[in-house]
Amino acid sequence: MKSADETAISILGWLANEPDLLSRFLALTGTDLSSLRSTARDPGFLAGVVDFLMGHEPTLLAFCEATGTPPEDVVYAHAVLSGPDNPGDF
């Protein structure tokens, strides 16, 4: 199983190849392409990446199919990154 951070980065990489979804994500987060690289290091931002995917099951399943990532890895990443105190991987 990938770490929560690795899963979130994988989601972000996948979104980069999905222009419509990336545009929607950027609009929802208020982030622009020029600051994406530096923002991607922030745990709160990574939580938002995973939350974006978890918020729409067809998109979640498309990501999992395209990348070979088990849905459980995304659920795990969501629990870790969006946990009450964001404790990191456990």
PDB file of N, CA and C in Angstrom:
ATOM      1  N   MET A   1       0.853  -1.181   0.000  1.00  0.00           N
ATOM      2  CA  MET A   1       0.000   0.000   0.000  1.00  0.00           C
ATOM      3  C   MET A   1       0.897   1.241   0.000  1.00  0.00           C
ATOM      4  N   LYS A   2       0.533   2.207  -0.826  1.00  0.00           N
ATOM      5  CA  LYS A   2       1.239   3.492  -0.875  1.00  0.00           C
ATOM      6  C   LYS A   2       0.944   4.282   0.396  1.00  0.00           C
ATOM      7  N   SER A   3       1.846   5.198   0.713  1.00  0.00           N
ATOM      8  CA  SER A   3       1.560   6.119   1.815  1.00  0.00           C
ATOM      9  C   SER A   3       0.458   7.075   1.365  1.00  0.00           C
ATOM     10  N   ALA A   4      -0.142   7.736   2.330  1.00  0.00           N
ATOM     11  CA  ALA A   4      -1.200   8.698   2.017  1.00  0.00           C
ATOM     12  C   ALA A   4      -0.670   9.813   1.117  1.00  0.00           C
ATOM     13  N   ASP A   5       0.527  10.304   1.417  1.00  0.00           N
ATOM     14  CA  ASP A   5       1.118  11.366   0.595  1.00  0.00           C
ATOM     15  C   ASP A   5       1.370  10.886  -0.830  1.00  0.00           C
ATOM     16  N   GLU A   6       1.880   9.671  -0.981  1.00  0.00           N
ATOM     17  CA  GLU A   6       2.142   9.126  -2.320  1.00  0.00           C
ATOM     18  C   GLU A   6       0.846   8.995  -3.116  1.00  0.00           C
ATOM     19  N   THR A   7      -0.213   8.565  -2.452  1.00  0.00           N
ATOM     20  CA  THR A   7      -1.503   8.446  -3.137  1.00  0.00           C
ATOM     21  C   THR A   7      -2.003   9.810  -3.575  1.00  0.00           C
ATOM     22  N   ALA A   8      -1.899  10.795  -2.703  1.00  0.00           N
ATOM     23  CA  ALA A   8      -2.350  12.150  -3.050  1.00  0.00           C
ATOM     24  C   ALA A   8      -1.552  12.708  -4.220  1.00  0.00           C
ATOM     25  N   ILE A   9      -0.244  12.489  -4.225  1.00  0.00           N
ATOM     26  CA  ILE A   9       0.594  12.960  -5.336  1.00  0.00           C
ATOM     27  C   ILE A   9       0.222  12.227  -6.624  1.00  0.00           C
ATOM     28  N   SER A  10      -0.101  10.939  -6.521  1.00  0.00           N
ATOM     29  CA  SER A  10      -0.540  10.182  -7.701  1.00  0.00           C
ATOM     30  C   SER A  10      -1.834  10.759  -8.267  1.00  0.00           C
ATOM     31  N   ILE A  11      -2.738  11.123  -7.370  1.00  0.00           N
ATOM     32  CA  ILE A  11      -4.004  11.736  -7.806  1.00  0.00           C
ATOM     33  C   ILE A  11      -3.715  13.053  -8.520  1.00  0.00           C
ATOM     34  N   LEU A  12      -2.847  13.847  -7.947  1.00  0.00           N
ATOM     35  CA  LEU A  12      -2.505  15.134  -8.553  1.00  0.00           C
ATOM     36  C   LEU A  12      -1.877  14.937  -9.931  1.00  0.00           C
ATOM     37  N   GLY A  13      -1.000  13.955 -10.051  1.00  0.00           N
ATOM     38  CA  GLY A  13      -0.394  13.649 -11.349  1.00  0.00           C
ATOM     39  C   GLY A  13      -1.423  13.220 -12.370  1.00  0.00           C
ATOM     40  N   TRP A  14      -2.375  12.421 -11.934  1.00  0.00           N
ATOM     41  CA  TRP A  14      -3.445  11.976 -12.826  1.00  0.00           C
ATOM     42  C   TRP A  14      -4.305  13.167 -13.256  1.00  0.00           C
ATOM     43  N   LEU A  15      -4.628  14.035 -12.288  1.00  0.00           N
ATOM     44  CA  LEU A  15      -5.428  15.221 -12.616  1.00  0.00           C
ATOM     45  C   LEU A  15      -4.736  16.100 -13.646  1.00  0.00           C
ATOM     46  N   ALA A  16      -3.410  16.142 -13.593  1.00  0.00           N
ATOM     47  CA  ALA A  16      -2.652  16.959 -14.541  1.00  0.00           C
ATOM     48  C   ALA A  16      -2.885  16.516 -15.979  1.00  0.00           C
ATOM     49  N   ASN A  17      -3.268  15.262 -16.158  1.00  0.00           N
ATOM     50  CA  ASN A  17      -3.547  14.739 -17.494  1.00  0.00           C
ATOM     51  C   ASN A  17      -5.038  14.714 -17.825  1.00  0.00           C
ATOM     52  N   GLU A  18      -5.827  15.307 -16.966  1.00  0.00           N
ATOM     53  CA  GLU A  18      -7.273  15.403 -17.155  1.00  0.00           C
ATOM     54  C   GLU A  18      -7.654  16.888 -17.084  1.00  0.00           C
ATOM     55  N   PRO A  19      -7.490  17.622 -18.187  1.00  0.00           N
ATOM     56  CA  PRO A  19      -7.645  19.089 -18.162  1.00  0.00           C
ATOM     57  C   PRO A  19      -8.966  19.594 -17.582  1.00  0.00           C
ATOM     58  N   ASP A  20     -10.064  18.949 -17.903  1.00  0.00           N
ATOM     59  CA  ASP A  20     -11.352  19.425 -17.384  1.00  0.00           C
ATOM     60  C   ASP A  20     -11.426  19.265 -15.866  1.00  0.00           C
ATOM     61  N   LEU A  21     -10.982  18.108 -15.379  1.00  0.00           N
ATOM     62  CA  LEU A  21     -10.991  17.873 -13.934  1.00  0.00           C
ATOM     63  C   LEU A  21      -9.989  18.783 -13.224  1.00  0.00           C
ATOM     64  N   LEU A  22      -8.823  18.961 -13.821  1.00  0.00           N
ATOM     65  CA  LEU A  22      -7.821  19.831 -13.214  1.00  0.00           C
ATOM     66  C   LEU A  22      -8.350  21.259 -13.114  1.00  0.00           C
ATOM     67  N   SER A  23      -9.001  21.736 -14.160  1.00  0.00           N
ATOM     68  CA  SER A  23      -9.571  23.090 -14.123  1.00  0.00           C
ATOM     69  C   SER A  23     -10.600  23.227 -13.012  1.00  0.00           C
ATOM     70  N   ARG A  24     -11.434  22.213 -12.887  1.00  0.00           N
ATOM     71  CA  ARG A  24     -12.455  22.235 -11.830  1.00  0.00           C
ATOM     72  C   ARG A  24     -11.790  22.224 -10.456  1.00  0.00           C
ATOM     73  N   PHE A  25     -10.787  21.367 -10.280  1.00  0.00           N
ATOM     74  CA  PHE A  25     -10.080  21.287  -9.011  1.00  0.00           C
ATOM     75  C   PHE A  25      -9.424  22.629  -8.665  1.00  0.00           C
ATOM     76  N   LEU A  26      -8.741  23.214  -9.621  1.00  0.00           N
ATOM     77  CA  LEU A  26      -8.075  24.495  -9.382  1.00  0.00           C
ATOM     78  C   LEU A  26      -9.081  25.576  -9.022  1.00  0.00           C
ATOM     79  N   ALA A  27     -10.214  25.576  -9.703  1.00  0.00           N
ATOM     80  CA  ALA A  27     -11.254  26.567  -9.409  1.00  0.00           C
ATOM     81  C   ALA A  27     -11.802  26.386  -7.994  1.00  0.00           C
ATOM     82  N   LEU A  28     -12.021  25.148  -7.599  1.00  0.00           N
ATOM     83  CA  LEU A  28     -12.564  24.882  -6.268  1.00  0.00           C
ATOM     84  C   LEU A  28     -11.580  25.216  -5.153  1.00  0.00           C
ATOM     85  N   THR A  29     -10.299  25.026  -5.420  1.00  0.00           N
ATOM     86  CA  THR A  29      -9.296  25.260  -4.383  1.00  0.00           C
ATOM     87  C   THR A  29      -8.733  26.671  -4.404  1.00  0.00           C
ATOM     88  N   GLY A  30      -8.969  27.403  -5.485  1.00  0.00           N
ATOM     89  CA  GLY A  30      -8.417  28.738  -5.600  1.00  0.00           C
ATOM     90  C   GLY A  30      -6.920  28.744  -5.880  1.00  0.00           C
ATOM     91  N   THR A  31      -6.418  27.615  -6.337  1.00  0.00           N
ATOM     92  CA  THR A  31      -5.005  27.481  -6.670  1.00  0.00           C
ATOM     93  C   THR A  31      -4.837  27.689  -8.164  1.00  0.00           C
ATOM     94  N   ASP A  32      -3.675  28.193  -8.561  1.00  0.00           N
ATOM     95  CA  ASP A  32      -3.408  28.298  -9.989  1.00  0.00           C
ATOM     96  C   ASP A  32      -2.217  27.412 -10.336  1.00  0.00           C
ATOM     97  N   LEU A  33      -2.030  27.194 -11.629  1.00  0.00           N
ATOM     98  CA  LEU A  33      -0.966  26.294 -12.077  1.00  0.00           C
ATOM     99  C   LEU A  33       0.413  26.738 -11.623  1.00  0.00           C
ATOM    100  N   SER A  34       0.646  28.036 -11.553  1.00  0.00           N
ATOM    101  CA  SER A  34       1.977  28.522 -11.202  1.00  0.00           C
ATOM    102  C   SER A  34       2.354  28.220  -9.752  1.00  0.00           C
ATOM    103  N   SER A  35       1.380  28.081  -8.873  1.00  0.00           N
ATOM    104  CA  SER A  35       1.686  27.801  -7.468  1.00  0.00           C
ATOM    105  C   SER A  35       1.432  26.346  -7.082  1.00  0.00           C
ATOM    106  N   LEU A  36       1.028  25.551  -8.046  1.00  0.00           N
ATOM    107  CA  LEU A  36       0.661  24.170  -7.753  1.00  0.00           C
ATOM    108  C   LEU A  36       1.823  23.365  -7.177  1.00  0.00           C
ATOM    109  N   ARG A  37       2.996  23.519  -7.733  1.00  0.00           N
ATOM    110  CA  ARG A  37       4.152  22.735  -7.274  1.00  0.00           C
ATOM    111  C   ARG A  37       4.487  23.022  -5.809  1.00  0.00           C
ATOM    112  N   SER A  38       4.521  24.281  -5.433  1.00  0.00           N
ATOM    113  CA  SER A  38       4.853  24.612  -4.041  1.00  0.00           C
ATOM    114  C   SER A  38       3.710  24.248  -3.098  1.00  0.00           C
ATOM    115  N   THR A  39       2.489  24.409  -3.551  1.00  0.00           N
ATOM    116  CA  THR A  39       1.325  24.091  -2.733  1.00  0.00           C
ATOM    117  C   THR A  39       1.201  22.589  -2.497  1.00  0.00           C
ATOM    118  N   ALA A  40       1.678  21.793  -3.428  1.00  0.00           N
ATOM    119  CA  ALA A  40       1.543  20.345  -3.335  1.00  0.00           C
ATOM    120  C   ALA A  40       2.307  19.760  -2.153  1.00  0.00           C
ATOM    121  N   ARG A  41       3.158  20.523  -1.519  1.00  0.00           N
ATOM    122  CA  ARG A  41       3.910  20.037  -0.350  1.00  0.00           C
ATOM    123  C   ARG A  41       3.122  20.205   0.949  1.00  0.00           C
ATOM    124  N   ASP A  42       2.035  20.932   0.889  1.00  0.00           N
ATOM    125  CA  ASP A  42       1.247  21.229   2.082  1.00  0.00           C
ATOM    126  C   ASP A  42       0.288  20.080   2.398  1.00  0.00           C
ATOM    127  N   PRO A  43       0.337  19.522   3.607  1.00  0.00           N
ATOM    128  CA  PRO A  43      -0.554  18.405   3.950  1.00  0.00           C
ATOM    129  C   PRO A  43      -2.032  18.743   3.796  1.00  0.00           C
ATOM    130  N   GLY A  44      -2.407  19.978   4.107  1.00  0.00           N
ATOM    131  CA  GLY A  44      -3.805  20.375   3.943  1.00  0.00           C
ATOM    132  C   GLY A  44      -4.231  20.369   2.486  1.00  0.00           C
ATOM    133  N   PHE A  45      -3.321  20.784   1.618  1.00  0.00           N
ATOM    134  CA  PHE A  45      -3.609  20.759   0.187  1.00  0.00           C
ATOM    135  C   PHE A  45      -3.751  19.322  -0.298  1.00  0.00           C
ATOM    136  N   LEU A  46      -2.852  18.452   0.159  1.00  0.00           N
ATOM    137  CA  LEU A  46      -2.937  17.036  -0.231  1.00  0.00           C
ATOM    138  C   LEU A  46      -4.244  16.422   0.241  1.00  0.00           C
ATOM    139  N   ALA A  47      -4.690  16.810   1.419  1.00  0.00           N
ATOM    140  CA  ALA A  47      -5.988  16.335   1.906  1.00  0.00           C
ATOM    141  C   ALA A  47      -7.098  16.791   0.963  1.00  0.00           C
ATOM    142  N   GLY A  48      -6.992  18.028   0.474  1.00  0.00           N
ATOM    143  CA  GLY A  48      -7.985  18.546  -0.468  1.00  0.00           C
ATOM    144  C   GLY A  48      -7.981  17.808  -1.791  1.00  0.00           C
ATOM    145  N   VAL A  49      -6.806  17.389  -2.237  1.00  0.00           N
ATOM    146  CA  VAL A  49      -6.697  16.609  -3.478  1.00  0.00           C
ATOM    147  C   VAL A  49      -7.462  15.301  -3.335  1.00  0.00           C
ATOM    148  N   VAL A  50      -7.222  14.612  -2.231  1.00  0.00           N
ATOM    149  CA  VAL A  50      -7.897  13.328  -2.007  1.00  0.00           C
ATOM    150  C   VAL A  50      -9.389  13.550  -1.801  1.00  0.00           C
ATOM    151  N   ASP A  51      -9.743  14.593  -1.073  1.00  0.00           N
ATOM    152  CA  ASP A  51     -11.150  14.893  -0.828  1.00  0.00           C
ATOM    153  C   ASP A  51     -11.886  15.179  -2.136  1.00  0.00           C
ATOM    154  N   PHE A  52     -11.230  15.884  -3.041  1.00  0.00           N
ATOM    155  CA  PHE A  52     -11.816  16.168  -4.355  1.00  0.00           C
ATOM    156  C   PHE A  52     -12.177  14.865  -5.058  1.00  0.00           C
ATOM    157  N   LEU A  53     -11.280  13.910  -5.032  1.00  0.00           N
ATOM    158  CA  LEU A  53     -11.523  12.629  -5.691  1.00  0.00           C
ATOM    159  C   LEU A  53     -12.620  11.850  -4.969  1.00  0.00           C
ATOM    160  N   MET A  54     -12.595  11.859  -3.656  1.00  0.00           N
ATOM    161  CA  MET A  54     -13.582  11.117  -2.874  1.00  0.00           C
ATOM    162  C   MET A  54     -14.990  11.693  -3.029  1.00  0.00           C
ATOM    163  N   GLY A  55     -15.068  12.945  -3.432  1.00  0.00           N
ATOM    164  CA  GLY A  55     -16.367  13.599  -3.555  1.00  0.00           C
ATOM    165  C   GLY A  55     -17.162  13.205  -4.784  1.00  0.00           C
ATOM    166  N   HIS A  56     -16.580  12.416  -5.681  1.00  0.00           N
ATOM    167  CA  HIS A  56     -17.278  12.031  -6.908  1.00  0.00           C
ATOM    168  C   HIS A  56     -16.857  10.623  -7.298  1.00  0.00           C
ATOM    169  N   GLU A  57     -17.710   9.662  -6.992  1.00  0.00           N
ATOM    170  CA  GLU A  57     -17.360   8.256  -7.189  1.00  0.00           C
ATOM    171  C   GLU A  57     -16.921   7.914  -8.608  1.00  0.00           C
ATOM    172  N   PRO A  58     -17.583   8.417  -9.662  1.00  0.00           N
ATOM    173  CA  PRO A  58     -17.104   8.092 -11.014  1.00  0.00           C
ATOM    174  C   PRO A  58     -15.666   8.572 -11.265  1.00  0.00           C
ATOM    175  N   THR A  59     -15.320   9.722 -10.715  1.00  0.00           N
ATOM    176  CA  THR A  59     -13.953  10.218 -10.869  1.00  0.00           C
ATOM    177  C   THR A  59     -12.989   9.355 -10.070  1.00  0.00           C
ATOM    178  N   LEU A  60     -13.376   8.974  -8.879  1.00  0.00           N
ATOM    179  CA  LEU A  60     -12.565   8.072  -8.058  1.00  0.00           C
ATOM    180  C   LEU A  60     -12.295   6.770  -8.805  1.00  0.00           C
ATOM    181  N   LEU A  61     -13.337   6.190  -9.363  1.00  0.00           N
ATOM    182  CA  LEU A  61     -13.182   4.916 -10.075  1.00  0.00           C
ATOM    183  C   LEU A  61     -12.353   5.084 -11.343  1.00  0.00           C
ATOM    184  N   ALA A  62     -12.497   6.210 -12.022  1.00  0.00           N
ATOM    185  CA  ALA A  62     -11.692   6.465 -13.227  1.00  0.00           C
ATOM    186  C   ALA A  62     -10.218   6.560 -12.856  1.00  0.00           C
ATOM    187  N   PHE A  63      -9.902   7.243 -11.763  1.00  0.00           N
ATOM    188  CA  PHE A  63      -8.522   7.333 -11.295  1.00  0.00           C
ATOM    189  C   PHE A  63      -7.979   5.939 -10.963  1.00  0.00           C
ATOM    190  N   CYS A  64      -8.747   5.175 -10.212  1.00  0.00           N
ATOM    191  CA  CYS A  64      -8.298   3.846  -9.798  1.00  0.00           C
ATOM    192  C   CYS A  64      -8.049   2.950 -11.002  1.00  0.00           C
ATOM    193  N   GLU A  65      -8.943   3.000 -11.970  1.00  0.00           N
ATOM    194  CA  GLU A  65      -8.785   2.177 -13.170  1.00  0.00           C
ATOM    195  C   GLU A  65      -7.568   2.619 -13.983  1.00  0.00           C
ATOM    196  N   ALA A  66      -7.413   3.910 -14.150  1.00  0.00           N
ATOM    197  CA  ALA A  66      -6.319   4.430 -14.978  1.00  0.00           C
ATOM    198  C   ALA A  66      -4.945   4.183 -14.363  1.00  0.00           C
ATOM    199  N   THR A  67      -4.881   4.169 -13.042  1.00  0.00           N
ATOM    200  CA  THR A  67      -3.582   4.065 -12.372  1.00  0.00           C
ATOM    201  C   THR A  67      -3.335   2.714 -11.710  1.00  0.00           C
ATOM    202  N   GLY A  68      -4.347   1.858 -11.692  1.00  0.00           N
ATOM    203  CA  GLY A  68      -4.196   0.567 -11.023  1.00  0.00           C
ATOM    204  C   GLY A  68      -4.147   0.696  -9.507  1.00  0.00           C
ATOM    205  N   THR A  69      -4.671   1.791  -8.997  1.00  0.00           N
ATOM    206  CA  THR A  69      -4.693   2.023  -7.547  1.00  0.00           C
ATOM    207  C   THR A  69      -5.962   1.423  -6.959  1.00  0.00           C
ATOM    208  N   PRO A  70      -5.826   0.578  -5.942  1.00  0.00           N
ATOM    209  CA  PRO A  70      -7.034   0.060  -5.293  1.00  0.00           C
ATOM    210  C   PRO A  70      -7.803   1.195  -4.605  1.00  0.00           C
ATOM    211  N   PRO A  71      -9.124   1.201  -4.708  1.00  0.00           N
ATOM    212  CA  PRO A  71      -9.910   2.242  -4.032  1.00  0.00           C
ATOM    213  C   PRO A  71      -9.596   2.335  -2.542  1.00  0.00           C
ATOM    214  N   GLU A  72      -9.239   1.216  -1.943  1.00  0.00           N
ATOM    215  CA  GLU A  72      -8.912   1.211  -0.518  1.00  0.00           C
ATOM    216  C   GLU A  72      -7.727   2.123  -0.206  1.00  0.00           C
ATOM    217  N   ASP A  73      -6.785   2.235  -1.150  1.00  0.00           N
ATOM    218  CA  ASP A  73      -5.642   3.130  -0.942  1.00  0.00           C
ATOM    219  C   ASP A  73      -6.102   4.583  -0.867  1.00  0.00           C
ATOM    220  N   VAL A  74      -7.083   4.931  -1.680  1.00  0.00           N
ATOM    221  CA  VAL A  74      -7.597   6.301  -1.675  1.00  0.00           C
ATOM    222  C   VAL A  74      -8.374   6.550  -0.377  1.00  0.00           C
ATOM    223  N   VAL A  75      -9.157   5.575   0.041  1.00  0.00           N
ATOM    224  CA  VAL A  75      -9.904   5.703   1.295  1.00  0.00           C
ATOM    225  C   VAL A  75      -8.928   5.856   2.469  1.00  0.00           C
ATOM    226  N   TYR A  76      -7.870   5.073   2.466  1.00  0.00           N
ATOM    227  CA  TYR A  76      -6.839   5.164   3.497  1.00  0.00           C
ATOM    228  C   TYR A  76      -6.203   6.562   3.498  1.00  0.00           C
ATOM    229  N   ALA A  77      -5.821   7.040   2.325  1.00  0.00           N
ATOM    230  CA  ALA A  77      -5.208   8.364   2.224  1.00  0.00           C
ATOM    231  C   ALA A  77      -6.161   9.442   2.738  1.00  0.00           C
ATOM    232  N   HIS A  78      -7.422   9.303   2.417  1.00  0.00           N
ATOM    233  CA  HIS A  78      -8.423  10.270   2.872  1.00  0.00           C
ATOM    234  C   HIS A  78      -8.516  10.257   4.389  1.00  0.00           C
ATOM    235  N   ALA A  79      -8.553   9.074   4.974  1.00  0.00           N
ATOM    236  CA  ALA A  79      -8.643   8.971   6.437  1.00  0.00           C
ATOM    237  C   ALA A  79      -7.413   9.576   7.113  1.00  0.00           C
ATOM    238  N   VAL A  80      -6.251   9.307   6.565  1.00  0.00           N
ATOM    239  CA  VAL A  80      -5.009   9.813   7.166  1.00  0.00           C
ATOM    240  C   VAL A  80      -4.898  11.328   7.007  1.00  0.00           C
ATOM    241  N   LEU A  81      -5.082  11.807   5.793  1.00  0.00           N
ATOM    242  CA  LEU A  81      -4.856  13.225   5.516  1.00  0.00           C
ATOM    243  C   LEU A  81      -5.971  14.130   6.029  1.00  0.00           C
ATOM    244  N   SER A  82      -7.177  13.595   6.138  1.00  0.00           N
ATOM    245  CA  SER A  82      -8.307  14.402   6.592  1.00  0.00           C
ATOM    246  C   SER A  82      -8.694  14.085   8.026  1.00  0.00           C
ATOM    247  N   GLY A  83      -7.865  13.278   8.690  1.00  0.00           N
ATOM    248  CA  GLY A  83      -8.141  12.894  10.072  1.00  0.00           C
ATOM    249  C   GLY A  83      -8.229  14.102  10.994  1.00  0.00           C
ATOM    250  N   PRO A  84      -8.692  13.890  12.210  1.00  0.00           N
ATOM    251  CA  PRO A  84      -8.925  15.007  13.134  1.00  0.00           C
ATOM    252  C   PRO A  84      -7.681  15.857  13.385  1.00  0.00           C
ATOM    253  N   ASP A  85      -6.535  15.238  13.473  1.00  0.00           N
ATOM    254  CA  ASP A  85      -5.316  15.991  13.744  1.00  0.00           C
ATOM    255  C   ASP A  85      -4.280  15.793  12.669  1.00  0.00           C
ATOM    256  N   ASN A  86      -4.668  15.196  11.527  1.00  0.00           N
ATOM    257  CA  ASN A  86      -3.750  14.871  10.450  1.00  0.00           C
ATOM    258  C   ASN A  86      -2.467  14.253  11.023  1.00  0.00           C
ATOM    259  N   PRO A  87      -2.586  13.050  11.621  1.00  0.00           N
ATOM    260  CA  PRO A  87      -1.436  12.459  12.300  1.00  0.00           C
ATOM    261  C   PRO A  87      -0.362  11.921  11.375  1.00  0.00           C
ATOM    262  N   GLY A  88      -0.594  11.910  10.079  1.00  0.00           N
ATOM    263  CA  GLY A  88       0.356  11.307   9.161  1.00  0.00           C
ATOM    264  C   GLY A  88       0.039   9.829   9.001  1.00  0.00           C
ATOM    265  N   ASP A  89       0.843   9.149   8.226  1.00  0.00           N
ATOM    266  CA  ASP A  89       0.600   7.729   7.991  1.00  0.00           C
ATOM    267  C   ASP A  89       0.720   6.946   9.283  1.00  0.00           C
ATOM    268  N   PHE A  90      -0.148   5.949   9.404  1.00  0.00           N
ATOM    269  CA  PHE A  90      -0.066   5.063  10.569  1.00  0.00           C
ATOM    270  C   PHE A  90       0.059   3.636  10.124  1.00  0.00           C
TER     271      PHE A  90
END
